Amino acid sequence: MAARVLHARGAAWVGGLLRRAPPCSLLPVLRRFTSSNSRPREDSWLKSLFVRKVDPRKDAHSNLLAKKETSSLYKLQFHNVKPECLEAYNKICQEVLPKIHEDKHYPCTLVGTWNTWYGEQDQAVHLWRYEGGYPALTEVMNKLRKNQAFVEFRKARSNMLLSRKNQLLLEFSFWNEPVPRSGPNIYELRSYQLRPGTMIEWGNYWARAIRFRQDGNEAVGGFFSQIGQLYMVHHLWAYKDLQTREDIRNAAWHKHGWEELVYYTVPLIQEMESRIMIPLKTSPLQ
């Protein structure tokens, strides 16, 4: 009955998808249709009309989106510090972390280290790069376990923390590689929780979108998670100050094509968060 009514009213079916919304006069029919005894089955059928179809992939998105010329792995750490301990925490981090960064026996680099200024308070954020991927990460961890100074650092640090978490990341192929820069700058870490199955789409859109955000040299790095919270994307930006950030972001909307890319990427996001961060004095990113 409902199918005949839909046809009579001129709704077009192409490839199993309803191409035009039904007129208001059909809403009572649809309501009766979905209130029958077989409602669970019919609800599933109706919902299937609006489920976005994802093309099957023959390769992992990490292989499709990450840089091929490098095998670098990144670790992003979030440490929530007891408010009364933040100064002491920063002090020991500035004493110990640069030593690991400078020691050639450790195949890792401290990309940046910050305190969150706006966002979650009393928080430290560290970004490390491991040249050589997972084997390099394993080598560094094994060596640090035998480093007595680092063991003592971890013990002292643990008394200052409320919680901590980390993620292992890969770098998007179309983003800049993070390199040391002089300051003073503020940094924005924009984190996006994507809907599962949408990482390829995100990468395709942002491969074009990044061209609109290169004029002021504000793009620092773009990453996606491999271990930890999955389907996470992190974009790292540098600005002279908050007003410069506002001006640059507003200017993007005057560039033809930016609004279309935003329109198509927003539906891919489940949650998003912005942190404004201040680098510590020993951070390579200033």
Protein backbone atom coordinates (compact mmCIF):
# COMPACT_ATOMS: atom_id res chain seq x y z
CA MET A 1 0.00 0.00 0.00
CA ALA A 2 2.70 2.48 1.08
CA ALA A 3 4.85 1.64 -1.92
CA ARG A 4 1.96 2.35 -4.32
CA VAL A 5 1.20 5.65 -2.59
CA LEU A 6 4.83 6.71 -2.84
CA HIS A 7 4.85 5.91 -6.55
CA ALA A 8 1.65 7.76 -7.13
CA ARG A 9 2.97 10.84 -5.46
CA GLY A 10 6.01 10.84 -7.74
CA ALA A 11 8.81 9.77 -5.38
CA ALA A 12 11.68 8.40 -7.44
CA TRP A 13 13.66 5.33 -6.43
CA VAL A 14 17.19 5.07 -7.88
CA GLY A 15 19.55 2.28 -6.82
CA GLY A 16 17.39 1.57 -3.73
CA LEU A 17 17.56 5.14 -2.41
CA LEU A 18 14.69 7.58 -2.02
CA ARG A 19 15.79 10.58 -4.07
CA ARG A 20 13.15 13.08 -2.92
CA ALA A 21 11.61 13.64 0.50
CA PRO A 22 7.91 12.55 0.64
CA PRO A 23 5.31 15.35 0.65
CA CYS A 24 3.65 16.25 3.93
CA SER A 25 0.47 14.48 2.80
CA LEU A 26 2.33 11.17 2.98
CA LEU A 27 3.46 11.54 6.60
CA PRO A 28 0.29 9.98 8.08
CA VAL A 29 0.71 7.02 5.69
CA LEU A 30 4.33 6.58 6.76
CA ARG A 31 3.35 6.81 10.43
CA ARG A 32 0.74 4.05 9.99
CA PHE A 33 3.27 2.06 8.00
CA THR A 34 5.82 2.16 10.85
CA SER A 35 3.32 1.42 13.63
CA SER A 36 2.41 -2.09 12.44
CA ASN A 37 3.22 -5.28 14.34
CA SER A 38 6.44 -5.69 12.31
CA ARG A 39 7.80 -2.32 13.41
CA PRO A 40 11.40 -3.42 14.23
CA ARG A 41 11.84 -4.83 10.74
CA GLU A 42 10.28 -1.79 9.07
CA ASP A 43 12.28 0.65 11.24
CA SER A 44 15.44 -1.03 10.05
CA TRP A 45 14.26 -0.74 6.45
CA LEU A 46 13.52 2.98 6.83
CA LYS A 47 16.83 3.66 8.56
CA SER A 48 18.67 1.87 5.77
CA LEU A 49 17.48 4.57 3.37
CA PHE A 50 19.58 7.16 5.16
CA VAL A 51 22.70 5.16 6.03
CA ARG A 52 25.71 6.47 4.13
CA LYS A 53 27.25 3.75 2.00
CA VAL A 54 31.01 3.33 2.48
CA ASP A 55 33.08 1.98 -0.38
CA PRO A 56 34.99 -1.20 0.52
CA ARG A 57 38.73 -0.73 0.92
CA LYS A 58 41.46 -3.18 0.04
CA ASP A 59 44.10 -1.59 2.24
CA ALA A 60 44.32 -0.10 5.75
CA HIS A 61 43.75 3.64 5.96
CA SER A 62 47.14 3.94 7.66
CA ASN A 63 48.76 2.77 4.41
CA LEU A 64 46.59 5.03 2.28
CA LEU A 65 46.96 8.23 4.30
CA ALA A 66 50.39 8.15 5.99
CA LYS A 67 53.64 9.38 4.48
CA LYS A 68 55.43 6.70 2.49
CA GLU A 69 58.86 8.31 2.50
CA THR A 70 59.20 8.10 6.30
CA SER A 71 58.37 5.44 8.86
CA SER A 72 58.03 7.84 11.78
CA LEU A 73 55.63 7.08 14.59
CA TYR A 74 54.37 9.78 16.96
CA LYS A 75 53.32 9.54 20.59
CA LEU A 76 51.00 12.15 22.05
CA GLN A 77 50.87 12.30 25.85
CA PHE A 78 48.29 14.07 28.02
CA HIS A 79 49.22 14.46 31.70
CA ASN A 80 46.72 15.95 34.13
CA VAL A 81 48.78 17.41 36.95
CA LYS A 82 47.81 18.21 40.51
CA PRO A 83 47.33 22.01 40.50
CA GLU A 84 49.80 22.54 43.33
CA CYS A 85 52.44 20.45 41.51
CA LEU A 86 52.40 22.00 38.04
CA GLU A 87 55.45 24.19 38.60
CA ALA A 88 57.50 21.29 40.01
CA TYR A 89 56.28 19.02 37.20
CA ASN A 90 57.40 21.50 34.55
CA LYS A 91 60.78 21.84 36.24
CA ILE A 92 61.64 18.14 36.20
CA CYS A 93 60.31 17.73 32.64
CA GLN A 94 62.55 20.56 31.45
CA GLU A 95 65.51 18.88 33.14
CA VAL A 96 64.98 15.32 31.89
CA LEU A 97 63.11 15.34 28.56
CA PRO A 98 65.72 17.41 26.63
CA LYS A 99 68.43 14.94 27.66
CA ILE A 100 66.52 12.09 25.99
CA HIS A 101 65.88 14.30 22.98
CA GLU A 102 69.60 15.10 22.58
CA ASP A 103 70.95 11.60 23.28
CA LYS A 104 71.78 9.91 19.96
CA HIS A 105 71.36 6.48 21.56
CA TYR A 106 67.60 7.04 21.60
CA PRO A 107 65.96 7.03 18.15
CA CYS A 108 63.36 9.58 19.20
CA THR A 109 62.80 13.33 19.06
CA LEU A 110 60.86 15.62 21.35
CA VAL A 111 58.67 17.53 18.89
CA GLY A 112 57.04 19.80 21.45
CA THR A 113 56.01 20.11 25.08
CA TRP A 114 53.31 22.45 26.38
CA ASN A 115 50.96 23.43 29.17
CA THR A 116 47.31 23.84 28.26
CA TRP A 117 46.29 27.49 28.59
CA TYR A 118 42.66 27.30 27.48
CA GLY A 119 40.93 23.93 27.64
CA GLU A 120 41.55 21.35 30.34
CA GLN A 121 43.50 23.16 33.06
CA ASP A 122 46.71 22.01 34.79
CA GLN A 123 47.51 19.77 31.87
CA ALA A 124 50.80 19.01 30.13
CA VAL A 125 50.98 17.82 26.54
CA HIS A 126 54.05 16.16 25.01
CA LEU A 127 54.59 15.09 21.40
CA TRP A 128 57.38 12.63 20.52
CA ARG A 129 58.55 11.29 17.17
CA TYR A 130 60.13 7.83 16.80
CA GLU A 131 62.27 7.58 13.67
CA GLY A 132 61.84 3.98 12.53
CA GLY A 133 58.30 3.31 13.71
CA TYR A 134 57.36 0.61 16.21
CA PRO A 135 60.86 -0.94 16.45
CA ALA A 136 62.24 2.47 17.43
CA LEU A 137 59.52 2.89 20.05
CA THR A 138 60.31 -0.52 21.52
CA GLU A 139 64.05 0.22 21.55
CA VAL A 140 63.53 3.53 23.38
CA MET A 141 61.21 1.98 25.97
CA ASN A 142 63.65 -0.86 26.67
CA LYS A 143 66.59 1.53 27.08
CA LEU A 144 64.65 3.90 29.34
CA ARG A 145 63.78 1.05 31.71
CA LYS A 146 67.52 0.68 32.32
CA ASN A 147 68.11 4.43 32.67
CA GLN A 148 68.19 5.02 36.43
CA ALA A 149 67.76 8.78 36.09
CA PHE A 150 64.62 8.27 34.01
CA VAL A 151 63.28 5.68 36.47
CA GLU A 152 63.67 8.21 39.28
CA PHE A 153 62.05 10.87 37.11
CA ARG A 154 59.01 8.66 36.50
CA LYS A 155 58.70 7.93 40.21
CA ALA A 156 58.80 11.62 41.12
CA ARG A 157 56.44 12.47 38.30
CA SER A 158 53.87 9.87 39.34
CA ASN A 159 53.35 11.65 42.67
CA MET A 160 52.40 14.83 40.81
CA LEU A 161 49.82 13.38 38.42
CA LEU A 162 46.07 12.93 38.66
CA SER A 163 45.80 10.94 35.42
CA ARG A 164 47.57 10.42 32.11
CA LYS A 165 46.87 8.91 28.71
CA ASN A 166 48.65 8.59 25.39
CA GLN A 167 48.02 7.78 21.76
CA LEU A 168 50.24 6.45 19.00
CA LEU A 169 49.81 8.43 15.79
CA LEU A 170 50.82 8.52 12.15
CA GLU A 171 51.30 11.70 10.14
CA PHE A 172 49.01 12.63 7.25
CA SER A 173 50.93 12.59 3.97
CA PHE A 174 49.62 16.03 2.91
CA TRP A 175 50.58 17.89 6.11
CA ASN A 176 53.83 19.63 6.96
CA GLU A 177 56.27 17.64 9.02
CA PRO A 178 56.67 19.34 12.43
CA VAL A 179 60.03 21.11 12.61
CA PRO A 180 61.44 23.36 15.35
CA ARG A 181 60.35 26.97 15.11
CA SER A 182 61.23 30.12 16.99
CA GLY A 183 58.71 32.02 19.05
CA PRO A 184 56.97 33.35 20.80
CA ASN A 185 53.89 31.47 19.60
CA ILE A 186 50.76 29.99 21.04
CA TYR A 187 49.70 26.57 19.76
CA GLU A 188 46.27 25.19 19.09
CA LEU A 189 45.68 21.45 19.17
CA ARG A 190 42.35 20.72 17.51
CA SER A 191 41.23 17.14 18.16
CA TYR A 192 38.43 15.43 16.23
CA GLN A 193 36.69 12.18 17.09
CA LEU A 194 35.53 10.89 13.71
CA ARG A 195 32.73 8.47 12.98
CA PRO A 196 34.18 4.99 12.39
CA GLY A 197 34.76 4.35 8.71
CA THR A 198 35.19 8.00 7.71
CA MET A 199 38.97 8.46 7.97
CA ILE A 200 39.52 8.09 4.21
CA GLU A 201 36.89 10.75 3.48
CA TRP A 202 38.45 13.08 6.03
CA GLY A 203 41.85 12.63 4.44
CA ASN A 204 40.51 13.25 0.95
CA TYR A 205 38.82 16.50 1.95
CA TRP A 206 41.70 17.81 4.07
CA ALA A 207 44.24 17.06 1.34
CA ARG A 208 42.47 19.94 -0.45
CA ALA A 209 41.55 21.99 2.62
CA ILE A 210 45.14 22.34 3.86
CA ARG A 211 45.90 24.52 0.82
CA PHE A 212 43.65 27.21 2.29
CA ARG A 213 45.59 27.25 5.59
CA GLN A 214 49.21 27.61 4.46
CA ASP A 215 49.49 31.37 3.88
CA GLY A 216 50.58 32.32 7.39
CA ASN A 217 52.79 29.28 8.04
CA GLU A 218 50.39 28.33 10.82
CA ALA A 219 50.09 24.63 9.93
CA VAL A 220 52.46 22.62 12.15
CA GLY A 221 51.32 19.01 11.79
CA GLY A 222 48.37 16.69 11.19
CA PHE A 223 48.05 13.21 12.69
CA PHE A 224 45.63 10.30 13.04
CA SER A 225 45.56 7.67 15.78
CA GLN A 226 46.70 4.07 15.49
CA ILE A 227 46.62 2.95 19.12
CA GLY A 228 44.65 4.47 21.98
CA GLN A 229 41.42 6.29 21.19
CA LEU A 230 40.78 5.31 17.58
CA TYR A 231 39.47 7.42 14.70
CA MET A 232 41.05 10.45 16.35
CA VAL A 233 42.54 13.24 14.26
CA HIS A 234 44.80 15.98 15.67
CA HIS A 235 45.67 19.20 13.84
CA LEU A 236 48.42 21.33 15.38
CA TRP A 237 48.58 25.05 14.55
CA ALA A 238 50.88 27.90 15.60
CA TYR A 239 49.84 31.55 15.94
CA LYS A 240 51.46 34.72 17.19
CA ASP A 241 48.53 35.33 19.56
CA LEU A 242 44.80 34.76 19.92
CA GLN A 243 43.86 37.73 17.74
CA THR A 244 46.11 36.48 14.93
CA ARG A 245 44.41 33.10 15.23
CA GLU A 246 41.01 34.76 14.89
CA ASP A 247 42.10 36.81 11.87
CA ILE A 248 43.62 33.84 10.03
CA ARG A 249 40.64 31.59 10.65
CA ASN A 250 38.19 34.29 9.50
CA ALA A 251 40.25 34.93 6.36
CA ALA A 252 39.83 31.28 5.30
CA TRP A 253 36.09 31.84 4.87
CA HIS A 254 36.78 34.41 2.14
CA LYS A 255 38.63 31.85 0.02
CA HIS A 256 36.54 30.13 -2.62
CA GLY A 257 36.07 26.44 -1.81
CA TRP A 258 36.77 26.54 1.94
CA GLU A 259 33.10 26.64 2.93
CA GLU A 260 32.35 23.59 0.77
CA LEU A 261 35.10 21.53 2.42
CA VAL A 262 33.84 22.50 5.88
CA TYR A 263 30.31 21.56 4.83
CA TYR A 264 31.38 18.05 3.87
CA THR A 265 33.76 17.36 6.78
CA VAL A 266 31.50 18.47 9.66
CA PRO A 267 29.14 15.45 9.31
CA LEU A 268 32.14 13.13 9.72
CA ILE A 269 32.79 14.41 13.27
CA GLN A 270 31.31 12.96 16.46
CA GLU A 271 33.15 15.26 18.89
CA MET A 272 35.79 17.95 18.67
CA GLU A 273 37.97 19.82 21.14
CA SER A 274 40.33 22.77 20.97
CA ARG A 275 43.28 23.34 23.31
CA ILE A 276 45.33 26.55 23.35
CA MET A 277 48.79 25.67 24.62
CA ILE A 278 51.90 27.52 25.76
CA PRO A 279 55.27 25.85 25.04
CA LEU A 280 57.71 25.17 27.86
CA LYS A 281 61.07 26.92 27.59
CA THR A 282 62.81 23.74 26.39
CA SER A 283 60.25 22.88 23.72
CA PRO A 284 61.67 22.71 20.15
CA LEU A 285 58.41 24.32 19.04
CA GLN A 286 58.45 27.83 20.53
